[in-house]
Amino acid sequence: MAKEESTPLSERLGSVVTRAADETAVGWFSARLSALADGYDRNVFLAAYAGAGRRLRTFEAQPSSADIGHARKLGVYSLGDWSLDRFARCALIAAVLEAVPDAEHAEIVDEVYRTGDNAEREALLAGLALFPDPQRFLTTAIESCRVNVETVFAALACENAYPSLYFADANFNQMVMKAVFIGVSLTRVVGLEDRANAELSRMARHHASERTAAGRSVPADLDLISSTPDTTVEPA
């Protein structure tokens, strides 16, 4: 991945895999990546995407500082903690998006999310900001914030600038409050300070009041969003 900006995303991500895995695993991965580059085959792709965990999760990914810095520029702050199968899965998605018409991209990404297990969903969501024109995948991203599996929710909501970059206020606010409800620290939400707004503050204060009235503790990090001033202008 530590290559010039013009290098295809599938190759940049794939290079992390080929540097870390053994010959057998690299051979398996490279063959699938090449097949997808030659033309999209749904069954080949979904089988490879699912199989990456079994084939590659035991190897340690070692992205370079340049890899990590490039990802941060695009909004992915967790790259240094990715497993090798996550790199492989995102490389496979990138290969498909590079091979098929743009009009098919959103549907393919949505199918990956709908048909994947938790780890497969997490890989997609964690890397969503890396893919070309990522705002096209808003429907899938917003849907993922409704899930009750904390690790899947956190793959998009935490160490990931995608929501702060592309969500409308209503969707961003709902995601932040979902983080509060399920106990995910708001310090992990990228761009929270910039996206804080009066409605989010109102929601946070209401939640704090409800917990206080019920004799329950109020999360300390709720202060991060409860003090945004209401800028609504009252009519004269």
Protein backbone atom coordinates (compact mmCIF):
# COMPACT_ATOMS: atom_id res chain seq x y z
CA MET A 1 0.00 0.00 0.00
CA ALA A 2 2.96 2.35 0.48
CA LYS A 3 3.07 3.37 -3.18
CA GLU A 4 2.24 6.36 -5.31
CA GLU A 5 -1.30 7.74 -5.28
CA SER A 6 -2.03 6.40 -8.78
CA THR A 7 -1.54 2.77 -7.72
CA PRO A 8 -4.87 0.90 -7.76
CA LEU A 9 -6.34 0.44 -4.30
CA SER A 10 -6.53 -3.34 -4.77
CA GLU A 11 -2.78 -3.43 -5.40
CA ARG A 12 -1.91 -1.11 -2.50
CA LEU A 13 -3.97 -3.13 -0.03
CA GLY A 14 -2.95 -6.43 -1.59
CA SER A 15 0.73 -5.63 -1.17
CA VAL A 16 0.29 -5.71 2.61
CA VAL A 17 -1.07 -9.24 2.26
CA THR A 18 1.66 -10.51 -0.04
CA ARG A 19 4.38 -9.14 2.26
CA ALA A 20 3.01 -10.91 5.33
CA ALA A 21 1.52 -14.27 4.32
CA ASP A 22 3.31 -17.48 3.39
CA GLU A 23 3.69 -18.76 -0.16
CA THR A 24 0.58 -20.93 -0.11
CA ALA A 25 -1.68 -18.19 1.23
CA VAL A 26 -0.20 -15.59 -1.12
CA GLY A 27 -0.76 -17.92 -4.06
CA TRP A 28 -4.41 -18.39 -3.10
CA PHE A 29 -4.99 -14.67 -2.59
CA SER A 30 -3.16 -13.53 -5.73
CA ALA A 31 -5.07 -15.99 -7.90
CA ARG A 32 -8.43 -14.66 -6.65
CA LEU A 33 -7.34 -11.06 -7.02
CA SER A 34 -6.17 -11.66 -10.59
CA ALA A 35 -9.38 -13.47 -11.50
CA LEU A 36 -11.48 -10.56 -10.28
CA ALA A 37 -9.32 -8.07 -12.15
CA ASP A 38 -10.04 -10.00 -15.35
CA GLY A 39 -13.81 -9.83 -14.81
CA TYR A 40 -16.35 -9.89 -12.01
CA ASP A 41 -17.69 -13.29 -11.05
CA ARG A 42 -20.07 -12.99 -8.11
CA ASN A 43 -19.51 -16.54 -6.85
CA VAL A 44 -15.73 -16.30 -7.07
CA PHE A 45 -15.77 -13.00 -5.24
CA LEU A 46 -18.09 -14.00 -2.40
CA ALA A 47 -16.25 -17.30 -1.89
CA ALA A 48 -12.89 -15.53 -1.76
CA TYR A 49 -14.25 -12.83 0.54
CA ALA A 50 -15.55 -15.43 2.97
CA GLY A 51 -12.46 -17.64 2.66
CA ALA A 52 -9.98 -14.88 3.44
CA GLY A 53 -10.55 -15.27 7.17
CA ARG A 54 -9.65 -18.94 7.24
CA ARG A 55 -6.68 -18.49 4.91
CA LEU A 56 -5.09 -15.33 6.28
CA ARG A 57 -6.17 -14.42 9.81
CA THR A 58 -3.23 -16.22 11.45
CA PHE A 59 -0.66 -13.98 9.77
CA GLU A 60 0.29 -10.62 11.28
CA ALA A 61 -0.28 -7.59 9.08
CA GLN A 62 2.56 -5.08 9.08
CA PRO A 63 1.40 -1.95 7.26
CA SER A 64 4.06 0.71 6.90
CA SER A 65 3.82 4.20 8.37
CA ALA A 66 3.11 5.40 4.83
CA ASP A 67 0.23 2.93 4.57
CA ILE A 68 -1.24 4.20 7.83
CA GLY A 69 -0.76 7.84 6.90
CA HIS A 70 -2.42 7.36 3.50
CA ALA A 71 -5.43 5.70 5.11
CA ARG A 72 -5.77 8.48 7.68
CA LYS A 73 -5.92 11.05 4.89
CA LEU A 74 -8.96 9.22 3.53
CA GLY A 75 -10.59 8.89 6.94
CA VAL A 76 -9.53 5.43 8.15
CA TYR A 77 -7.80 5.74 11.52
CA SER A 78 -7.67 2.06 12.50
CA LEU A 79 -5.43 0.65 9.75
CA GLY A 80 -2.57 -0.11 12.13
CA ASP A 81 -4.84 -2.51 14.03
CA TRP A 82 -6.25 -4.36 11.02
CA SER A 83 -5.88 -8.11 10.73
CA LEU A 84 -4.41 -9.46 7.50
CA ASP A 85 -7.70 -10.96 6.38
CA ARG A 86 -9.26 -7.48 6.66
CA PHE A 87 -6.63 -6.12 4.27
CA ALA A 88 -7.36 -9.02 1.92
CA ARG A 89 -11.11 -8.51 2.03
CA CYS A 90 -10.84 -4.79 1.31
CA ALA A 91 -8.42 -5.54 -1.53
CA LEU A 92 -10.93 -7.99 -3.01
CA ILE A 93 -13.73 -5.40 -2.82
CA ALA A 94 -11.43 -2.83 -4.43
CA ALA A 95 -10.60 -5.25 -7.25
CA VAL A 96 -14.29 -5.75 -7.98
CA LEU A 97 -15.00 -2.01 -7.95
CA GLU A 98 -12.10 -1.47 -10.33
CA ALA A 99 -13.45 -4.11 -12.72
CA VAL A 100 -17.18 -3.31 -12.95
CA PRO A 101 -19.13 -0.22 -14.06
CA ASP A 102 -19.65 2.48 -11.45
CA ALA A 103 -23.42 1.98 -11.57
CA GLU A 104 -23.00 -1.48 -9.99
CA HIS A 105 -20.77 -0.45 -7.09
CA ALA A 106 -23.39 0.43 -4.48
CA GLU A 107 -25.31 -2.80 -5.09
CA ILE A 108 -22.16 -4.92 -4.74
CA VAL A 109 -21.13 -3.21 -1.51
CA ASP A 110 -24.64 -3.61 -0.12
CA GLU A 111 -24.62 -7.33 -0.96
CA VAL A 112 -21.32 -7.79 0.86
CA TYR A 113 -22.87 -6.21 3.93
CA ARG A 114 -26.17 -8.12 3.74
CA THR A 115 -24.64 -11.56 3.15
CA GLY A 116 -21.54 -11.32 5.30
CA ASP A 117 -20.94 -12.60 8.80
CA ASN A 118 -19.84 -10.16 11.50
CA ALA A 119 -16.13 -10.20 10.59
CA GLU A 120 -16.94 -9.76 6.90
CA ARG A 121 -19.20 -6.80 7.66
CA GLU A 122 -16.57 -5.25 9.91
CA ALA A 123 -13.95 -5.40 7.14
CA LEU A 124 -16.25 -3.67 4.67
CA LEU A 125 -17.29 -0.92 7.09
CA ALA A 126 -13.80 -0.27 8.41
CA GLY A 127 -12.51 0.27 4.88
CA LEU A 128 -15.51 2.05 3.40
CA ALA A 129 -13.83 5.46 3.25
CA LEU A 130 -10.95 4.03 1.20
CA PHE A 131 -13.10 3.14 -1.79
CA PRO A 132 -13.64 5.60 -4.66
CA ASP A 133 -16.49 8.09 -4.14
CA PRO A 134 -17.43 6.56 -0.78
CA GLN A 135 -20.50 8.73 -0.34
CA ARG A 136 -22.22 6.38 -2.81
CA PHE A 137 -22.40 3.80 -0.05
CA LEU A 138 -24.36 5.93 2.41
CA THR A 139 -27.40 3.63 2.43
CA THR A 140 -25.29 0.68 3.56
CA ALA A 141 -23.37 2.79 6.08
CA ILE A 142 -26.51 4.19 7.67
CA GLU A 143 -28.09 0.74 7.84
CA SER A 144 -25.01 -0.62 9.63
CA CYS A 145 -25.54 1.85 12.49
CA ARG A 146 -28.78 0.08 13.39
CA VAL A 147 -27.03 -3.21 14.14
CA ASN A 148 -26.84 -4.41 17.74
CA VAL A 149 -23.46 -6.16 17.40
CA GLU A 150 -21.02 -3.75 19.02
CA THR A 151 -17.99 -4.74 16.91
CA VAL A 152 -19.92 -4.26 13.68
CA PHE A 153 -21.29 -0.92 14.84
CA ALA A 154 -17.84 0.23 15.98
CA ALA A 155 -16.23 -0.66 12.64
CA LEU A 156 -17.99 2.35 11.14
CA ALA A 157 -18.65 4.53 14.18
CA CYS A 158 -15.18 4.39 15.74
CA GLU A 159 -11.72 5.38 14.46
CA ASN A 160 -13.46 6.03 11.16
CA ALA A 161 -14.18 9.45 9.66
CA TYR A 162 -16.80 8.13 7.22
CA PRO A 163 -19.82 9.23 9.34
CA SER A 164 -18.43 12.68 10.07
CA LEU A 165 -17.53 13.19 6.41
CA TYR A 166 -20.72 11.93 4.77
CA PHE A 167 -23.62 11.56 7.20
CA ALA A 168 -26.36 14.18 7.41
CA ASP A 169 -26.83 15.64 10.90
CA ALA A 170 -29.83 13.44 11.69
CA ASN A 171 -27.95 10.24 10.86
CA PHE A 172 -24.78 11.37 12.61
CA ASN A 173 -26.75 12.28 15.75
CA GLN A 174 -28.51 8.91 15.78
CA MET A 175 -25.17 7.11 15.46
CA VAL A 176 -23.63 9.10 18.33
CA MET A 177 -26.58 8.44 20.62
CA LYS A 178 -26.48 4.75 19.70
CA ALA A 179 -22.83 4.77 20.83
CA VAL A 180 -23.94 6.26 24.15
CA PHE A 181 -26.71 3.67 24.58
CA ILE A 182 -24.45 0.66 23.96
CA GLY A 183 -21.50 2.00 25.96
CA VAL A 184 -19.06 2.87 23.18
CA SER A 185 -16.80 5.74 24.26
CA LEU A 186 -17.50 8.95 22.37
CA THR A 187 -13.77 9.69 22.34
CA ARG A 188 -13.55 7.07 19.58
CA VAL A 189 -15.93 8.95 17.26
CA VAL A 190 -13.81 10.78 14.68
CA GLY A 191 -14.90 14.35 13.97
CA LEU A 192 -17.31 14.56 16.89
CA GLU A 193 -16.22 18.05 17.91
CA ASP A 194 -16.67 19.41 14.39
CA ARG A 195 -20.05 17.74 13.88
CA ALA A 196 -21.57 18.53 17.29
CA ASN A 197 -24.80 20.48 16.89
CA ALA A 198 -27.63 21.90 18.97
CA GLU A 199 -29.97 18.97 18.34
CA LEU A 200 -27.33 16.44 19.38
CA SER A 201 -26.74 18.49 22.53
CA ARG A 202 -30.47 18.49 23.27
CA MET A 203 -30.62 14.70 22.80
CA ALA A 204 -27.65 14.25 25.13
CA ARG A 205 -29.15 16.44 27.86
CA HIS A 206 -32.48 14.62 27.59
CA HIS A 207 -30.72 11.26 27.92
CA ALA A 208 -28.76 12.51 30.94
CA SER A 209 -31.97 13.75 32.57
CA GLU A 210 -33.69 10.42 32.04
CA ARG A 211 -30.80 8.51 33.61
CA THR A 212 -30.60 10.90 36.54
CA ALA A 213 -34.35 10.61 37.16
CA ALA A 214 -34.04 6.84 37.13
CA GLY A 215 -31.20 6.95 39.65
CA ARG A 216 -28.65 5.76 37.10
CA SER A 217 -25.18 7.15 36.46
CA VAL A 218 -24.56 9.47 33.51
CA PRO A 219 -21.66 8.54 31.19
CA ALA A 220 -18.82 11.01 31.75
CA ASP A 221 -18.13 11.49 28.05
CA LEU A 222 -21.70 12.70 27.48
CA ASP A 223 -20.23 16.11 28.35
CA LEU A 224 -18.54 16.04 24.94
CA ILE A 225 -21.89 16.62 23.23
CA SER A 226 -24.19 18.11 25.87
CA SER A 227 -22.88 21.67 25.89
CA THR A 228 -23.28 22.75 22.24
CA PRO A 229 -25.23 26.02 22.33
CA ASP A 230 -28.64 26.27 20.69
CA THR A 231 -28.12 28.71 17.84
CA THR A 232 -31.79 28.81 16.85
CA VAL A 233 -32.88 32.44 16.28
CA GLU A 234 -36.20 33.24 17.88
CA PRO A 235 -38.56 35.41 15.80
CA ALA A 236 -38.76 39.06 16.85
